[in-house]
Each structure stands twice: as C-alpha cells, then as structure tokens.
C-alpha cells in the first residue's frame, strides 16, 4: 500500500525514532508499505519519520543506479550491494569516516530541492535484518550517502541541516516555496 508522505516543515520529520523491539507482522507490513511508497515516489530511501512514524526503521534500495556506484563489504569481503537490496535498517548504528565528499542530495519529504551535501565517503553499519539477525557491513558511494541520509531522519535530522548558513541562504527561496505548497494551511 502506498502511504502518504510527510512533508517539510512537518514536526514529525524532527521526531527521534523509538527503537524497534519486535520484528513482527506489523513491522513486515510497514516494511512492504514503505518500500511501495519509496518506489512510487522514485526514491532510493525512506525513513519511518517520512510516513509519520517515529521509529528506528528505514528502507534503502540503490538497485540499478550506475551513475553513483556503490560498494558493500561484509567481513572484509566485497559483495554485490544489489544482492542485499532492498536493505531494511532496523535500529541502525552508523559510523562515518572523517573523509567527506560533496554529492547532490534530495529528499522525498522536501520535493524539488537538490543541493550538494558533504557526507562521509565510507560508513560502517550495524543493523538488524527483517529476519532478526545482526548485519554488519561497510558501504561507499550512493549506498553510503543513502544510509547516512535515512539514519539522519531516524534522529530527526534533515539534509538541509548539514548546509552552511550561506548554502542555506542559497536555497531559502526554494524552501519557502516548499513550505508554501506543503506546509500547514491556515
């Protein structure tokens, strides 16, 4: 089922997610619905906050994206990231490197805005799978960016929060238009 998206500046996007304690049919249905919603809106990631639920839960899928290649390493061995897509992140712990690089980023909850954001080039991730197993891996490329973006959502942070004051001023008009279109109506 396609779920309604939550749009900036909705306060639900700023909610810190509660940890997932049980992987049950309700979570499995939410996972399916979030995947359907992400695909419908042509995204590569979706966090629970973006559909109005304050949970430590997100989905990422970078399948078929060649212009920003991704790598994934498990226990020191390179694997094909597409073999792990869609990737459901349950209570993820993400550690990024100090080395950062800019890359174009957007968000389904802030439609129409794309801007460069500095993100860690490589991340280490520890998460639970839908099967209740621990998955630890390293990622680079778009996969690393998407994981950082979605994990930020789980902590109530948006990609625009990473912009400098000057960069934020550069996108102010676009943000104002988004608020006008999607913000609360009087």
N, C-alpha and C. Protein backbone atom coordinates (compact mmCIF):
# COMPACT_ATOMS: atom_id res chain seq x y z
N UNK A 1 0.84 -1.16 0.00
CA UNK A 1 0.00 0.00 0.00
C UNK A 1 0.90 1.24 0.00
N UNK A 2 0.50 2.23 -0.78
CA UNK A 2 1.22 3.50 -0.83
C UNK A 2 0.76 4.33 0.37
N UNK A 3 1.72 4.76 1.18
CA UNK A 3 1.42 5.56 2.36
C UNK A 3 1.61 7.05 2.03
N UNK A 4 0.87 7.94 2.70
CA UNK A 4 1.08 9.37 2.47
C UNK A 4 2.41 9.82 3.06
N UNK A 5 3.12 10.65 2.29
CA UNK A 5 4.38 11.19 2.76
C UNK A 5 4.15 12.39 3.68
N UNK A 6 5.07 12.58 4.58
CA UNK A 6 5.11 13.75 5.45
C UNK A 6 6.08 14.74 4.81
N UNK A 7 5.67 16.00 4.68
CA UNK A 7 6.50 17.00 4.00
C UNK A 7 7.01 18.06 4.96
N UNK A 8 8.19 18.59 4.63
CA UNK A 8 8.78 19.71 5.33
C UNK A 8 7.81 20.88 5.29
N UNK A 9 7.58 21.55 6.40
CA UNK A 9 8.28 21.58 7.68
C UNK A 9 7.58 20.78 8.80
N UNK A 10 6.81 19.77 8.46
CA UNK A 10 6.05 18.99 9.45
C UNK A 10 6.96 18.54 10.60
N UNK A 11 6.50 18.78 11.82
CA UNK A 11 7.29 18.46 13.02
C UNK A 11 7.59 16.97 13.16
N UNK A 12 6.79 16.11 12.53
CA UNK A 12 7.05 14.66 12.62
C UNK A 12 8.38 14.29 11.99
N UNK A 13 8.88 15.12 11.09
CA UNK A 13 10.19 14.86 10.49
C UNK A 13 11.32 15.08 11.49
N UNK A 14 11.04 15.79 12.57
CA UNK A 14 12.05 16.09 13.59
C UNK A 14 11.99 15.12 14.78
N UNK A 15 11.09 14.14 14.72
CA UNK A 15 10.94 13.19 15.82
C UNK A 15 12.06 12.15 15.81
N UNK A 16 12.63 11.92 16.98
CA UNK A 16 13.63 10.86 17.10
C UNK A 16 12.91 9.53 17.20
N UNK A 17 13.39 8.56 16.45
CA UNK A 17 12.71 7.28 16.38
C UNK A 17 12.92 6.41 17.60
N UNK A 18 11.85 5.75 18.02
CA UNK A 18 11.93 4.76 19.09
C UNK A 18 12.55 3.48 18.54
N UNK A 19 13.35 2.79 19.34
CA UNK A 19 13.93 1.53 18.87
C UNK A 19 12.84 0.50 18.57
N UNK A 20 13.11 -0.30 17.57
CA UNK A 20 12.23 -1.44 17.24
C UNK A 20 12.57 -2.55 18.23
N UNK A 21 11.56 -3.05 18.93
CA UNK A 21 11.79 -4.11 19.92
C UNK A 21 11.41 -5.49 19.40
N UNK A 22 10.44 -5.51 18.47
CA UNK A 22 9.93 -6.79 17.98
C UNK A 22 9.78 -6.72 16.46
N UNK A 23 10.28 -7.74 15.79
CA UNK A 23 10.06 -7.86 14.35
C UNK A 23 8.88 -8.80 14.17
N UNK A 24 7.73 -8.22 13.84
CA UNK A 24 6.50 -8.99 13.75
C UNK A 24 5.79 -8.67 12.43
N UNK A 25 4.58 -9.20 12.29
CA UNK A 25 3.82 -8.99 11.06
C UNK A 25 3.50 -7.51 10.83
N UNK A 26 3.31 -6.76 11.90
CA UNK A 26 3.04 -5.33 11.76
C UNK A 26 4.24 -4.62 11.14
N UNK A 27 5.44 -4.94 11.61
CA UNK A 27 6.65 -4.34 11.05
C UNK A 27 6.87 -4.82 9.62
N UNK A 28 6.60 -6.09 9.35
CA UNK A 28 6.77 -6.60 7.99
C UNK A 28 5.81 -5.89 7.02
N UNK A 29 4.59 -5.62 7.47
CA UNK A 29 3.63 -4.90 6.63
C UNK A 29 4.11 -3.46 6.42
N UNK A 30 4.59 -2.83 7.48
CA UNK A 30 5.13 -1.47 7.36
C UNK A 30 6.29 -1.45 6.37
N UNK A 31 7.16 -2.46 6.44
CA UNK A 31 8.30 -2.55 5.52
C UNK A 31 7.82 -2.63 4.07
N UNK A 32 6.84 -3.48 3.81
CA UNK A 32 6.29 -3.61 2.46
C UNK A 32 5.67 -2.29 1.99
N UNK A 33 4.91 -1.65 2.87
CA UNK A 33 4.25 -0.39 2.51
C UNK A 33 5.27 0.71 2.27
N UNK A 34 6.31 0.77 3.10
CA UNK A 34 7.34 1.80 2.90
C UNK A 34 8.09 1.57 1.59
N UNK A 35 8.36 0.32 1.27
CA UNK A 35 9.03 0.01 0.00
C UNK A 35 8.15 0.43 -1.17
N UNK A 36 6.86 0.10 -1.12
CA UNK A 36 5.93 0.52 -2.17
C UNK A 36 5.89 2.04 -2.31
N UNK A 37 5.87 2.73 -1.17
CA UNK A 37 5.80 4.19 -1.16
C UNK A 37 7.08 4.79 -1.76
N UNK A 38 8.24 4.26 -1.34
CA UNK A 38 9.51 4.75 -1.87
C UNK A 38 9.59 4.55 -3.38
N UNK A 39 9.19 3.38 -3.83
CA UNK A 39 9.23 3.09 -5.27
C UNK A 39 8.28 3.98 -6.05
N UNK A 40 7.09 4.21 -5.51
CA UNK A 40 6.10 5.06 -6.18
C UNK A 40 6.65 6.47 -6.39
N UNK A 41 7.40 6.95 -5.42
CA UNK A 41 7.95 8.32 -5.49
C UNK A 41 9.36 8.36 -6.06
N UNK A 42 9.83 7.20 -6.56
CA UNK A 42 11.13 7.08 -7.22
C UNK A 42 12.29 7.52 -6.33
N UNK A 43 12.24 7.10 -5.07
CA UNK A 43 13.31 7.40 -4.14
C UNK A 43 14.26 6.23 -4.01
N UNK A 44 15.39 6.48 -3.33
CA UNK A 44 16.35 5.41 -3.03
C UNK A 44 16.35 5.09 -1.54
N UNK A 45 15.57 5.84 -0.77
CA UNK A 45 15.47 5.58 0.66
C UNK A 45 14.23 6.21 1.23
N UNK A 46 13.78 5.66 2.35
CA UNK A 46 12.61 6.21 3.05
C UNK A 46 12.72 5.81 4.52
N UNK A 47 12.59 6.81 5.39
CA UNK A 47 12.62 6.57 6.83
C UNK A 47 11.20 6.61 7.38
N UNK A 48 11.00 5.94 8.50
CA UNK A 48 9.67 5.89 9.11
C UNK A 48 9.11 7.28 9.39
N UNK A 49 9.97 8.23 9.75
CA UNK A 49 9.50 9.59 10.03
C UNK A 49 8.82 10.19 8.80
N UNK A 50 9.23 9.79 7.62
CA UNK A 50 8.68 10.35 6.39
C UNK A 50 7.26 9.87 6.09
N UNK A 51 6.81 8.88 6.86
CA UNK A 51 5.42 8.45 6.74
C UNK A 51 4.72 8.62 8.10
N UNK A 52 5.33 9.48 8.94
CA UNK A 52 4.70 9.89 10.19
C UNK A 52 4.87 8.96 11.37
N UNK A 53 5.85 8.05 11.30
CA UNK A 53 6.07 7.13 12.41
C UNK A 53 7.46 7.34 12.99
N UNK A 54 7.54 7.62 14.26
CA UNK A 54 8.82 7.88 14.93
C UNK A 54 9.44 6.56 15.39
N UNK A 55 10.07 5.87 14.43
CA UNK A 55 10.70 4.58 14.69
C UNK A 55 12.12 4.57 14.14
N UNK A 56 12.95 3.69 14.67
CA UNK A 56 14.30 3.48 14.15
C UNK A 56 14.21 2.46 13.01
N UNK A 57 13.62 2.88 11.90
CA UNK A 57 13.36 1.96 10.80
C UNK A 57 13.38 2.71 9.47
N UNK A 58 14.14 2.18 8.52
CA UNK A 58 14.23 2.80 7.19
C UNK A 58 14.47 1.72 6.15
N UNK A 59 14.21 2.08 4.90
CA UNK A 59 14.49 1.20 3.77
C UNK A 59 15.37 1.97 2.79
N UNK A 60 16.31 1.25 2.17
CA UNK A 60 17.19 1.80 1.15
C UNK A 60 17.25 0.80 0.00
N UNK A 61 17.23 1.32 -1.22
CA UNK A 61 17.40 0.46 -2.40
C UNK A 61 18.09 1.26 -3.50
N UNK A 62 19.33 0.89 -3.79
CA UNK A 62 20.12 1.57 -4.83
C UNK A 62 20.25 0.71 -6.09
N UNK A 63 19.38 -0.24 -6.25
CA UNK A 63 19.41 -1.15 -7.40
C UNK A 63 19.33 -0.36 -8.70
N UNK A 64 20.22 -0.71 -9.64
CA UNK A 64 20.17 -0.15 -10.99
C UNK A 64 20.69 1.26 -11.14
N UNK A 65 21.29 1.83 -10.11
CA UNK A 65 21.82 3.19 -10.22
C UNK A 65 23.31 3.09 -10.51
N UNK A 66 23.66 3.43 -11.74
CA UNK A 66 25.04 3.26 -12.19
C UNK A 66 25.86 4.54 -12.16
N UNK A 67 25.20 5.71 -12.16
CA UNK A 67 25.95 6.96 -12.22
C UNK A 67 26.60 7.32 -10.89
N UNK A 68 26.18 6.69 -9.81
CA UNK A 68 26.80 6.86 -8.49
C UNK A 68 27.00 5.47 -7.89
N UNK A 69 28.01 4.75 -8.37
CA UNK A 69 28.18 3.35 -7.97
C UNK A 69 28.40 3.19 -6.46
N UNK A 70 27.92 2.08 -5.97
CA UNK A 70 28.02 1.74 -4.55
C UNK A 70 28.89 0.51 -4.37
N UNK A 71 29.55 0.43 -3.22
CA UNK A 71 30.25 -0.80 -2.84
C UNK A 71 29.74 -1.21 -1.47
N UNK A 72 29.89 -2.50 -1.21
CA UNK A 72 29.47 -3.06 0.08
C UNK A 72 30.46 -4.15 0.44
N UNK A 73 30.93 -4.13 1.68
CA UNK A 73 31.89 -5.11 2.16
C UNK A 73 31.36 -5.71 3.45
N UNK A 74 31.37 -7.04 3.51
CA UNK A 74 30.94 -7.76 4.71
C UNK A 74 32.09 -8.64 5.16
N UNK A 75 32.53 -8.47 6.40
CA UNK A 75 33.64 -9.24 6.96
C UNK A 75 34.87 -9.18 6.06
N UNK A 76 35.14 -8.00 5.52
CA UNK A 76 36.32 -7.79 4.69
C UNK A 76 36.20 -8.29 3.26
N UNK A 77 35.04 -8.82 2.89
CA UNK A 77 34.85 -9.36 1.55
C UNK A 77 33.86 -8.49 0.77
N UNK A 78 34.27 -8.07 -0.42
CA UNK A 78 33.38 -7.28 -1.27
C UNK A 78 32.22 -8.14 -1.73
N UNK A 79 31.01 -7.58 -1.63
CA UNK A 79 29.80 -8.27 -2.09
C UNK A 79 29.07 -7.32 -3.04
N UNK A 80 28.16 -7.87 -3.81
CA UNK A 80 27.35 -7.05 -4.70
C UNK A 80 26.23 -6.42 -3.87
N UNK A 81 26.22 -5.07 -3.75
CA UNK A 81 25.18 -4.43 -2.93
C UNK A 81 23.77 -4.80 -3.37
N UNK A 82 23.57 -5.01 -4.67
CA UNK A 82 22.22 -5.31 -5.15
C UNK A 82 21.68 -6.63 -4.60
N UNK A 83 22.59 -7.52 -4.17
CA UNK A 83 22.15 -8.77 -3.56
C UNK A 83 21.49 -8.53 -2.20
N UNK A 84 21.68 -7.35 -1.62
CA UNK A 84 21.15 -7.03 -0.30
C UNK A 84 20.01 -6.01 -0.36
N UNK A 85 19.58 -5.68 -1.58
CA UNK A 85 18.51 -4.70 -1.76
C UNK A 85 17.17 -5.41 -1.92
N UNK A 86 16.09 -4.83 -1.44
CA UNK A 86 16.07 -3.65 -0.60
C UNK A 86 16.70 -3.96 0.76
N UNK A 87 17.34 -2.95 1.32
CA UNK A 87 18.00 -3.06 2.60
C UNK A 87 17.13 -2.39 3.65
N UNK A 88 16.66 -3.17 4.61
CA UNK A 88 15.86 -2.62 5.71
C UNK A 88 16.79 -2.37 6.88
N UNK A 89 16.78 -1.16 7.39
CA UNK A 89 17.63 -0.77 8.51
C UNK A 89 16.78 -0.71 9.78
N UNK A 90 17.08 -1.58 10.72
CA UNK A 90 16.35 -1.65 11.98
C UNK A 90 17.33 -1.30 13.10
N UNK A 91 17.04 -0.21 13.82
CA UNK A 91 17.92 0.27 14.89
C UNK A 91 19.37 0.40 14.42
N UNK A 92 19.61 1.04 13.28
CA UNK A 92 20.97 1.07 12.74
C UNK A 92 21.91 1.96 13.56
N UNK A 93 23.16 1.51 13.61
CA UNK A 93 24.24 2.31 14.17
C UNK A 93 25.21 2.53 13.01
N UNK A 94 25.42 3.80 12.68
CA UNK A 94 26.23 4.15 11.51
C UNK A 94 27.39 5.03 11.95
N UNK A 95 28.59 4.63 11.53
CA UNK A 95 29.79 5.40 11.82
C UNK A 95 30.43 5.79 10.50
N UNK A 96 30.62 7.08 10.31
CA UNK A 96 31.23 7.56 9.07
C UNK A 96 32.69 7.90 9.26
N UNK A 97 33.41 7.95 8.16
CA UNK A 97 34.80 8.36 8.19
C UNK A 97 34.88 9.87 8.27
N UNK A 98 36.05 10.37 8.67
CA UNK A 98 36.24 11.82 8.70
C UNK A 98 36.37 12.38 7.29
N UNK A 99 36.85 11.56 6.37
CA UNK A 99 36.96 12.00 4.98
C UNK A 99 35.57 12.14 4.39
N UNK A 100 35.27 13.34 3.92
CA UNK A 100 33.94 13.62 3.38
C UNK A 100 34.07 14.07 1.94
N UNK A 101 32.95 13.95 1.23
CA UNK A 101 32.90 14.44 -0.15
C UNK A 101 31.51 14.98 -0.42
N UNK A 102 31.43 16.03 -1.26
CA UNK A 102 30.12 16.57 -1.59
C UNK A 102 29.41 15.71 -2.62
N UNK A 103 28.11 15.69 -2.53
CA UNK A 103 27.30 14.98 -3.51
C UNK A 103 25.90 15.55 -3.53
N UNK A 104 25.28 15.49 -4.67
CA UNK A 104 23.93 16.01 -4.82
C UNK A 104 22.96 15.15 -4.03
N UNK A 105 22.10 15.82 -3.27
CA UNK A 105 21.15 15.11 -2.43
C UNK A 105 19.79 15.77 -2.51
N UNK A 106 18.76 14.97 -2.39
CA UNK A 106 17.39 15.44 -2.32
C UNK A 106 16.66 14.60 -1.30
N UNK A 107 15.37 14.86 -1.13
CA UNK A 107 14.60 14.15 -0.13
C UNK A 107 13.14 14.11 -0.56
N UNK A 108 12.51 12.96 -0.44
CA UNK A 108 11.10 12.85 -0.80
C UNK A 108 10.22 13.76 0.04
N UNK A 109 10.67 14.11 1.24
CA UNK A 109 9.89 14.99 2.12
C UNK A 109 10.16 16.47 1.87
N UNK A 110 11.12 16.76 1.00
CA UNK A 110 11.42 18.14 0.61
C UNK A 110 11.47 18.16 -0.92
N UNK A 111 10.32 17.93 -1.57
CA UNK A 111 10.29 17.71 -3.01
C UNK A 111 10.79 18.92 -3.80
N UNK A 112 11.59 18.60 -4.82
CA UNK A 112 12.07 19.63 -5.73
C UNK A 112 13.39 20.26 -5.36
N UNK A 113 13.85 20.05 -4.14
CA UNK A 113 15.11 20.65 -3.71
C UNK A 113 16.24 19.63 -3.82
N UNK A 114 17.28 20.01 -4.55
CA UNK A 114 18.51 19.22 -4.63
C UNK A 114 19.66 20.17 -4.39
N UNK A 115 20.60 19.73 -3.57
CA UNK A 115 21.78 20.54 -3.31
C UNK A 115 22.92 19.63 -2.87
N UNK A 116 24.14 20.14 -3.00
CA UNK A 116 25.30 19.36 -2.57
C UNK A 116 25.38 19.34 -1.05
N UNK A 117 25.68 18.15 -0.52
CA UNK A 117 25.83 17.94 0.91
C UNK A 117 27.12 17.17 1.12
N UNK A 118 27.90 17.54 2.13
CA UNK A 118 29.11 16.79 2.47
C UNK A 118 28.75 15.61 3.36
N UNK A 119 29.13 14.44 2.91
CA UNK A 119 28.87 13.20 3.66
C UNK A 119 30.16 12.39 3.73
N UNK A 120 30.23 11.50 4.71
CA UNK A 120 31.36 10.58 4.81
C UNK A 120 31.44 9.73 3.56
N UNK A 121 32.66 9.50 3.09
CA UNK A 121 32.85 8.70 1.88
C UNK A 121 32.54 7.22 2.12
N UNK A 122 32.79 6.79 3.36
CA UNK A 122 32.58 5.38 3.70
C UNK A 122 31.91 5.33 5.06
N UNK A 123 31.00 4.38 5.21
CA UNK A 123 30.34 4.19 6.51
C UNK A 123 30.46 2.74 6.95
N UNK A 124 30.49 2.56 8.26
CA UNK A 124 30.36 1.24 8.87
C UNK A 124 28.96 1.18 9.47
N UNK A 125 28.26 0.10 9.20
CA UNK A 125 26.86 -0.03 9.61
C UNK A 125 26.66 -1.31 10.40
N UNK A 126 25.92 -1.19 11.49
CA UNK A 126 25.48 -2.35 12.24
C UNK A 126 23.97 -2.20 12.37
N UNK A 127 23.23 -3.17 11.87
CA UNK A 127 21.78 -3.09 11.86
C UNK A 127 21.20 -4.49 12.06
N UNK A 128 19.92 -4.52 12.36
CA UNK A 128 19.19 -5.79 12.40
C UNK A 128 18.54 -5.98 11.04
N UNK A 129 18.38 -7.22 10.64
CA UNK A 129 17.66 -7.54 9.41
C UNK A 129 16.22 -7.87 9.76
N UNK A 130 15.40 -7.98 8.75
CA UNK A 130 13.99 -8.36 8.96
C UNK A 130 13.88 -9.78 9.52
N UNK A 131 14.96 -10.54 9.42
CA UNK A 131 14.97 -11.89 9.98
C UNK A 131 15.45 -11.90 11.42
N UNK A 132 15.78 -10.71 11.96
CA UNK A 132 16.22 -10.62 13.34
C UNK A 132 17.69 -10.90 13.56
N UNK A 133 18.45 -10.92 12.48
CA UNK A 133 19.89 -11.17 12.58
C UNK A 133 20.65 -9.85 12.52
N UNK A 134 21.82 -9.83 13.13
CA UNK A 134 22.69 -8.65 13.06
C UNK A 134 23.43 -8.69 11.73
N UNK A 135 23.45 -7.55 11.04
CA UNK A 135 24.19 -7.40 9.80
C UNK A 135 25.17 -6.25 9.99
N UNK A 136 26.46 -6.54 9.80
CA UNK A 136 27.49 -5.50 9.87
C UNK A 136 28.17 -5.44 8.52
N UNK A 137 28.33 -4.21 8.00
CA UNK A 137 28.96 -4.04 6.70
C UNK A 137 29.54 -2.64 6.57
N UNK A 138 30.35 -2.46 5.53
CA UNK A 138 30.85 -1.15 5.15
C UNK A 138 30.26 -0.82 3.80
N UNK A 139 30.04 0.47 3.54
CA UNK A 139 29.46 0.90 2.27
C UNK A 139 30.12 2.19 1.81
N UNK A 140 30.17 2.36 0.49
CA UNK A 140 30.62 3.60 -0.13
C UNK A 140 29.63 3.97 -1.22
N UNK A 141 29.88 5.12 -1.84
CA UNK A 141 29.06 5.55 -2.97
C UNK A 141 27.66 5.95 -2.53
N UNK A 142 26.72 5.82 -3.45
CA UNK A 142 25.35 6.22 -3.18
C UNK A 142 24.76 5.45 -2.00
N UNK A 143 25.13 4.20 -1.84
CA UNK A 143 24.63 3.42 -0.71
C UNK A 143 25.03 4.08 0.61
N UNK A 144 26.27 4.52 0.73
CA UNK A 144 26.72 5.19 1.96
C UNK A 144 25.96 6.49 2.17
N UNK A 145 25.74 7.25 1.11
CA UNK A 145 25.01 8.52 1.21
C UNK A 145 23.57 8.25 1.66
N UNK A 146 22.91 7.29 1.01
CA UNK A 146 21.52 7.00 1.34
C UNK A 146 21.37 6.52 2.78
N UNK A 147 22.31 5.70 3.24
CA UNK A 147 22.25 5.21 4.62
C UNK A 147 22.41 6.38 5.59
N UNK A 148 23.35 7.28 5.32
CA UNK A 148 23.54 8.44 6.19
C UNK A 148 22.30 9.33 6.19
N UNK A 149 21.74 9.55 5.01
CA UNK A 149 20.55 10.40 4.87
C UNK A 149 19.38 9.81 5.68
N UNK A 150 19.13 8.52 5.50
CA UNK A 150 17.99 7.89 6.19
C UNK A 150 18.24 7.79 7.69
N UNK A 151 19.47 7.50 8.09
CA UNK A 151 19.79 7.42 9.51
C UNK A 151 19.62 8.79 10.16
N UNK A 152 19.98 9.84 9.45
CA UNK A 152 19.73 11.19 9.98
C UNK A 152 18.23 11.37 10.26
N UNK A 153 17.39 10.95 9.32
CA UNK A 153 15.93 11.05 9.53
C UNK A 153 15.52 10.37 10.83
N UNK A 154 16.12 9.22 11.12
CA UNK A 154 15.74 8.45 12.31
C UNK A 154 16.06 9.20 13.60
N UNK A 155 16.92 10.22 13.47
CA UNK A 155 17.30 11.04 14.62
C UNK A 155 16.74 12.46 14.51
N UNK A 156 15.78 12.65 13.61
CA UNK A 156 15.12 13.94 13.49
C UNK A 156 15.92 15.00 12.76
N UNK A 157 16.87 14.56 11.95
CA UNK A 157 17.74 15.50 11.25
C UNK A 157 17.46 15.42 9.74
N UNK A 158 17.48 16.56 9.07
CA UNK A 158 17.25 16.64 7.63
C UNK A 158 18.53 17.04 6.92
N UNK A 159 18.62 16.71 5.65
CA UNK A 159 19.85 17.03 4.91
C UNK A 159 20.11 18.52 4.84
N UNK A 160 19.07 19.33 4.91
CA UNK A 160 19.27 20.78 4.88
C UNK A 160 19.95 21.28 6.16
N UNK A 161 19.90 20.49 7.23
CA UNK A 161 20.56 20.86 8.48
C UNK A 161 22.09 20.82 8.34
N UNK A 162 22.58 20.12 7.33
CA UNK A 162 24.01 19.99 7.12
C UNK A 162 24.59 21.12 6.28
N UNK A 163 23.72 21.99 5.79
CA UNK A 163 24.18 23.10 4.96
C UNK A 163 24.75 24.22 5.83
N UNK A 164 25.75 24.90 5.28
CA UNK A 164 26.30 26.08 5.95
C UNK A 164 25.25 27.19 5.89
N UNK A 165 25.40 28.24 6.71
CA UNK A 165 24.45 29.35 6.62
C UNK A 165 24.37 29.94 5.20
N UNK A 166 25.50 30.04 4.52
CA UNK A 166 25.49 30.58 3.16
C UNK A 166 24.76 29.65 2.20
N UNK A 167 24.99 28.33 2.34
CA UNK A 167 24.30 27.37 1.49
C UNK A 167 22.80 27.37 1.78
N UNK A 168 22.46 27.50 3.05
CA UNK A 168 21.05 27.55 3.44
C UNK A 168 20.38 28.79 2.83
N UNK A 169 21.10 29.92 2.83
CA UNK A 169 20.57 31.15 2.23
C UNK A 169 20.34 30.96 0.73
N UNK A 170 21.23 30.17 0.09
CA UNK A 170 21.10 29.92 -1.35
C UNK A 170 19.83 29.15 -1.70
N UNK A 171 19.33 28.34 -0.78
CA UNK A 171 18.14 27.52 -1.06
C UNK A 171 16.90 28.05 -0.33
N UNK A 172 17.01 29.20 0.31
CA UNK A 172 15.90 29.76 1.10
C UNK A 172 14.63 29.92 0.27
N UNK A 173 14.75 30.47 -0.93
CA UNK A 173 13.56 30.67 -1.76
C UNK A 173 12.88 29.34 -2.09
N UNK A 174 13.68 28.34 -2.43
CA UNK A 174 13.12 27.02 -2.73
C UNK A 174 12.43 26.42 -1.50
N UNK A 175 13.06 26.56 -0.33
CA UNK A 175 12.45 26.06 0.90
C UNK A 175 11.15 26.80 1.21
N UNK A 176 11.15 28.11 1.00
CA UNK A 176 9.93 28.89 1.22
C UNK A 176 8.81 28.42 0.31
N UNK A 177 9.12 28.09 -0.94
CA UNK A 177 8.11 27.59 -1.87
C UNK A 177 7.57 26.24 -1.41
N UNK A 178 8.45 25.38 -0.90
CA UNK A 178 8.03 24.07 -0.41
C UNK A 178 7.11 24.23 0.80
N UNK A 179 7.48 25.13 1.71
CA UNK A 179 6.63 25.40 2.88
C UNK A 179 5.27 25.92 2.43
N UNK A 180 5.29 26.83 1.45
CA UNK A 180 4.03 27.40 0.93
C UNK A 180 3.14 26.29 0.35
N UNK A 181 3.75 25.36 -0.38
CA UNK A 181 2.99 24.32 -1.05
C UNK A 181 2.57 23.19 -0.11
N UNK A 182 3.49 22.77 0.78
CA UNK A 182 3.24 21.57 1.60
C UNK A 182 3.03 21.86 3.08
N UNK A 183 3.32 23.08 3.51
CA UNK A 183 3.22 23.41 4.93
C UNK A 183 1.79 23.48 5.42
N UNK A 184 1.63 23.73 6.71
CA UNK A 184 0.28 23.76 7.28
C UNK A 184 -0.55 24.88 6.67
N UNK A 185 -1.80 24.60 6.44
CA UNK A 185 -2.73 25.58 5.88
C UNK A 185 -3.49 26.23 7.02
N UNK A 186 -3.75 27.53 6.88
CA UNK A 186 -4.45 28.25 7.96
C UNK A 186 -5.94 28.13 7.82
